[in-house]
């Protein structure tokens, strides 16, 4: 948890993301190895393109870690947990989707899913920051996020990120000066992330 808070605080203060690019498959495999050091009874499917995205490795890792971590956290009782991490290349973008067969969310929860500190289920561990960070990071990179969910069926989160080959080097260097909260998106503007004080006893 402390690492997430530190990243959020740094991003909120500067509005900057580190420049860079990375291999999607490598980043995804590192996150899976971290989160699933033990199988934990999870049925996992990975089908990602061999592409590089215009995103620093640590930023992409945080995006994937939050999405896959949520899929594991909100698993449903009474059935084997299934998580799919799939993607494709669509023009200048790379589409990455994380889908699960967990408890899902009702329409009201879906509408609030990207609000900082909102938690769809109070009986699961967490602080409600994962999706808020994903949303802001992805939009700061010029991408988009789409979430669909159904109670008792599962949740799917799809992010679209720029391909490294589609972004000139000069743009990669300049992109980090853009403030995430200035990036337009559909719907009413969102309030900035509220200030957060790091909790000494918080767990990762």
Protein backbone atom coordinates (compact mmCIF):
# COMPACT_ATOMS: atom_id res chain seq x y z
CA UNK A 1 0.00 0.00 0.00
CA UNK A 2 2.84 2.41 0.80
CA UNK A 3 4.19 2.10 -2.75
CA UNK A 4 0.81 2.97 -4.23
CA UNK A 5 0.45 6.02 -1.98
CA UNK A 6 3.97 7.20 -2.81
CA UNK A 7 3.29 6.90 -6.54
CA UNK A 8 -0.03 8.71 -6.22
CA UNK A 9 1.47 11.51 -4.16
CA UNK A 10 4.33 12.01 -6.61
CA UNK A 11 1.97 12.06 -9.57
CA UNK A 12 -0.47 14.41 -7.83
CA UNK A 13 2.29 16.86 -6.95
CA UNK A 14 4.03 16.99 -10.33
CA UNK A 15 1.40 15.78 -12.79
CA UNK A 16 4.25 13.94 -14.51
CA UNK A 17 4.91 10.37 -15.50
CA UNK A 18 8.42 9.12 -16.23
CA UNK A 19 9.18 8.85 -19.96
CA UNK A 20 9.98 5.57 -21.65
CA UNK A 21 8.65 2.52 -23.44
CA UNK A 22 8.53 -1.18 -22.64
CA UNK A 23 7.56 -4.61 -23.89
CA UNK A 24 3.97 -5.45 -22.99
CA UNK A 25 4.52 -9.20 -22.61
CA UNK A 26 7.54 -8.76 -20.35
CA UNK A 27 5.74 -6.31 -18.07
CA UNK A 28 2.70 -8.56 -17.86
CA UNK A 29 4.74 -11.66 -17.05
CA UNK A 30 6.63 -9.84 -14.30
CA UNK A 31 3.34 -8.77 -12.70
CA UNK A 32 1.88 -12.28 -12.95
CA UNK A 33 5.01 -13.78 -11.39
CA UNK A 34 4.74 -11.26 -8.56
CA UNK A 35 1.03 -11.69 -7.84
CA UNK A 36 0.82 -15.41 -8.49
CA UNK A 37 4.03 -16.70 -6.95
CA UNK A 38 1.79 -19.58 -5.89
CA UNK A 39 -1.06 -20.82 -8.14
CA UNK A 40 -3.76 -20.12 -5.50
CA UNK A 41 -6.30 -22.12 -7.48
CA UNK A 42 -6.44 -19.54 -10.27
CA UNK A 43 -7.16 -20.37 -13.89
CA UNK A 44 -5.11 -17.86 -15.88
CA UNK A 45 -5.15 -17.13 -19.59
CA UNK A 46 -2.67 -14.73 -21.21
CA UNK A 47 -2.82 -13.74 -24.87
CA UNK A 48 -0.94 -10.51 -25.50
CA UNK A 49 0.67 -9.14 -28.67
CA UNK A 50 4.43 -8.89 -28.94
CA UNK A 51 4.39 -5.09 -28.87
CA UNK A 52 6.08 -2.21 -27.13
CA UNK A 53 3.97 0.52 -25.58
CA UNK A 54 4.83 4.19 -25.05
CA UNK A 55 4.88 3.83 -21.29
CA UNK A 56 7.65 3.53 -18.71
CA UNK A 57 8.01 -0.04 -17.35
CA UNK A 58 7.14 0.92 -13.78
CA UNK A 59 4.01 2.75 -14.91
CA UNK A 60 2.74 -0.14 -17.01
CA UNK A 61 3.54 -2.54 -14.19
CA UNK A 62 1.45 -0.46 -11.77
CA UNK A 63 -1.48 -0.38 -14.21
CA UNK A 64 -1.40 -4.14 -14.73
CA UNK A 65 -0.74 -4.87 -11.06
CA UNK A 66 -3.84 -2.91 -10.03
CA UNK A 67 -6.08 -4.56 -12.62
CA UNK A 68 -4.92 -8.13 -12.09
CA UNK A 69 -4.80 -7.60 -8.34
CA UNK A 70 -8.44 -6.51 -8.33
CA UNK A 71 -9.42 -9.54 -10.39
CA UNK A 72 -7.80 -11.81 -7.80
CA UNK A 73 -9.14 -9.88 -4.83
CA UNK A 74 -12.79 -9.83 -5.91
CA UNK A 75 -13.08 -13.51 -6.73
CA UNK A 76 -16.42 -15.21 -6.14
CA UNK A 77 -16.97 -17.89 -3.55
CA UNK A 78 -17.93 -21.34 -4.74
CA UNK A 79 -16.21 -21.33 -8.14
CA UNK A 80 -12.67 -21.45 -9.45
CA UNK A 81 -11.19 -18.01 -10.04
CA UNK A 82 -10.62 -17.28 -13.74
CA UNK A 83 -8.57 -14.34 -14.96
CA UNK A 84 -7.88 -13.43 -18.58
CA UNK A 85 -5.21 -10.96 -19.66
CA UNK A 86 -5.62 -10.43 -23.38
CA UNK A 87 -4.82 -7.77 -25.93
CA UNK A 88 -4.47 -6.77 -29.54
CA UNK A 89 -2.98 -4.07 -31.74
CA UNK A 90 -5.49 -1.61 -33.14
CA UNK A 91 -3.84 1.00 -35.32
CA UNK A 92 -1.67 3.32 -33.20
CA UNK A 93 -2.90 1.77 -29.95
CA UNK A 94 -2.48 -1.43 -27.99
CA UNK A 95 -5.62 -2.73 -26.31
CA UNK A 96 -5.17 -4.63 -23.06
CA UNK A 97 -8.09 -6.17 -21.18
CA UNK A 98 -8.29 -7.91 -17.81
CA UNK A 99 -11.43 -9.97 -17.35
CA UNK A 100 -12.51 -12.10 -14.39
CA UNK A 101 -15.43 -14.21 -13.22
CA UNK A 102 -15.59 -12.60 -9.80
CA UNK A 103 -18.37 -11.01 -7.79
CA UNK A 104 -18.90 -8.18 -10.29
CA UNK A 105 -20.45 -4.76 -9.66
CA UNK A 106 -23.90 -3.26 -10.00
CA UNK A 107 -24.47 -0.20 -12.25
CA UNK A 108 -24.16 2.22 -9.32
CA UNK A 109 -20.77 0.80 -8.34
CA UNK A 110 -19.58 0.87 -11.96
CA UNK A 111 -20.37 4.59 -12.14
CA UNK A 112 -18.20 5.24 -9.08
CA UNK A 113 -15.47 2.69 -9.74
CA UNK A 114 -12.81 5.28 -10.65
CA UNK A 115 -13.46 7.53 -7.66
CA UNK A 116 -10.53 7.61 -5.23
CA UNK A 117 -11.20 5.52 -2.11
CA UNK A 118 -14.40 3.98 -3.48
CA UNK A 119 -14.65 0.26 -2.72
CA UNK A 120 -17.23 -1.92 -4.42
CA UNK A 121 -17.20 -4.40 -1.54
CA UNK A 122 -16.40 -3.48 2.05
CA UNK A 123 -15.51 -7.05 3.00
CA UNK A 124 -12.47 -7.17 0.69
CA UNK A 125 -9.05 -5.78 1.58
CA UNK A 126 -7.95 -2.56 -0.05
CA UNK A 127 -8.23 1.20 0.04
CA UNK A 128 -10.11 1.94 -3.19
CA UNK A 129 -7.17 3.53 -5.01
CA UNK A 130 -6.31 0.95 -7.66
CA UNK A 131 -8.75 1.91 -10.40
CA UNK A 132 -8.41 5.63 -9.69
CA UNK A 133 -4.68 5.37 -10.35
CA UNK A 134 -5.19 3.28 -13.46
CA UNK A 135 -7.64 5.83 -14.86
CA UNK A 136 -5.35 8.80 -14.29
CA UNK A 137 -2.19 7.07 -15.52
CA UNK A 138 -3.82 5.81 -18.70
CA UNK A 139 -5.40 9.15 -19.55
CA UNK A 140 -2.12 10.95 -18.87
CA UNK A 141 -0.56 8.69 -21.49
CA UNK A 142 -3.23 9.66 -24.00
CA UNK A 143 -5.15 6.40 -23.66
CA UNK A 144 -8.60 5.42 -22.44
CA UNK A 145 -10.23 3.05 -19.94
CA UNK A 146 -13.51 1.16 -20.27
CA UNK A 147 -15.05 -0.87 -17.44
CA UNK A 148 -17.99 -3.23 -17.75
CA UNK A 149 -19.32 -5.45 -14.99
CA UNK A 150 -22.28 -7.57 -13.95
CA UNK A 151 -23.07 -8.75 -10.42
CA UNK A 152 -22.39 -12.44 -9.98
CA UNK A 153 -20.78 -12.72 -13.42
CA UNK A 154 -17.55 -10.72 -13.34
CA UNK A 155 -15.74 -7.59 -14.45
CA UNK A 156 -13.79 -6.53 -17.51
CA UNK A 157 -11.46 -3.53 -17.63
CA UNK A 158 -10.03 -2.54 -20.99
CA UNK A 159 -7.25 0.02 -21.41
CA UNK A 160 -5.89 1.43 -24.63
CA UNK A 161 -2.31 2.67 -24.67
CA UNK A 162 -0.23 4.22 -27.47
CA UNK A 163 2.15 1.92 -29.31
CA UNK A 164 5.78 2.95 -28.97
CA UNK A 165 6.23 2.81 -32.74
CA UNK A 166 3.38 5.30 -33.21
CA UNK A 167 4.81 7.96 -30.88
CA UNK A 168 7.81 9.99 -32.09
CA UNK A 169 10.73 10.16 -29.65
CA UNK A 170 10.23 13.89 -29.12
CA UNK A 171 6.64 13.29 -28.06
CA UNK A 172 7.72 10.58 -25.65
CA UNK A 173 10.00 13.12 -23.98
CA UNK A 174 7.37 15.87 -23.89
CA UNK A 175 4.40 13.76 -22.84
CA UNK A 176 5.50 13.70 -19.21
CA UNK A 177 5.01 17.46 -18.88
CA UNK A 178 1.26 17.12 -19.41
CA UNK A 179 -0.86 17.17 -16.26
CA UNK A 180 -3.08 14.11 -16.01
CA UNK A 181 -6.03 16.05 -14.69
CA UNK A 182 -5.92 18.31 -17.75
CA UNK A 183 -6.42 15.42 -20.15
CA UNK A 184 -9.98 15.62 -21.52
CA UNK A 185 -12.33 12.68 -21.22
CA UNK A 186 -16.00 12.07 -21.86
CA UNK A 187 -18.39 13.18 -19.16
CA UNK A 188 -18.06 15.83 -16.43
CA UNK A 189 -14.59 16.71 -15.11
CA UNK A 190 -13.36 14.76 -12.13
CA UNK A 191 -12.07 16.36 -8.93
CA UNK A 192 -8.33 16.06 -8.31
CA UNK A 193 -7.04 13.25 -6.17
CA UNK A 194 -7.44 14.21 -2.50
CA UNK A 195 -4.31 14.51 -0.37
CA UNK A 196 -3.26 11.26 1.25
CA UNK A 197 -1.04 10.78 4.25
CA UNK A 198 0.96 7.59 4.27
CA UNK A 199 -0.12 5.17 6.98
CA UNK A 200 2.78 3.56 8.87
CA UNK A 201 0.83 0.33 9.32
CA UNK A 202 -0.50 0.10 5.76
CA UNK A 203 0.25 -3.12 3.93
CA UNK A 204 1.20 -3.47 0.28
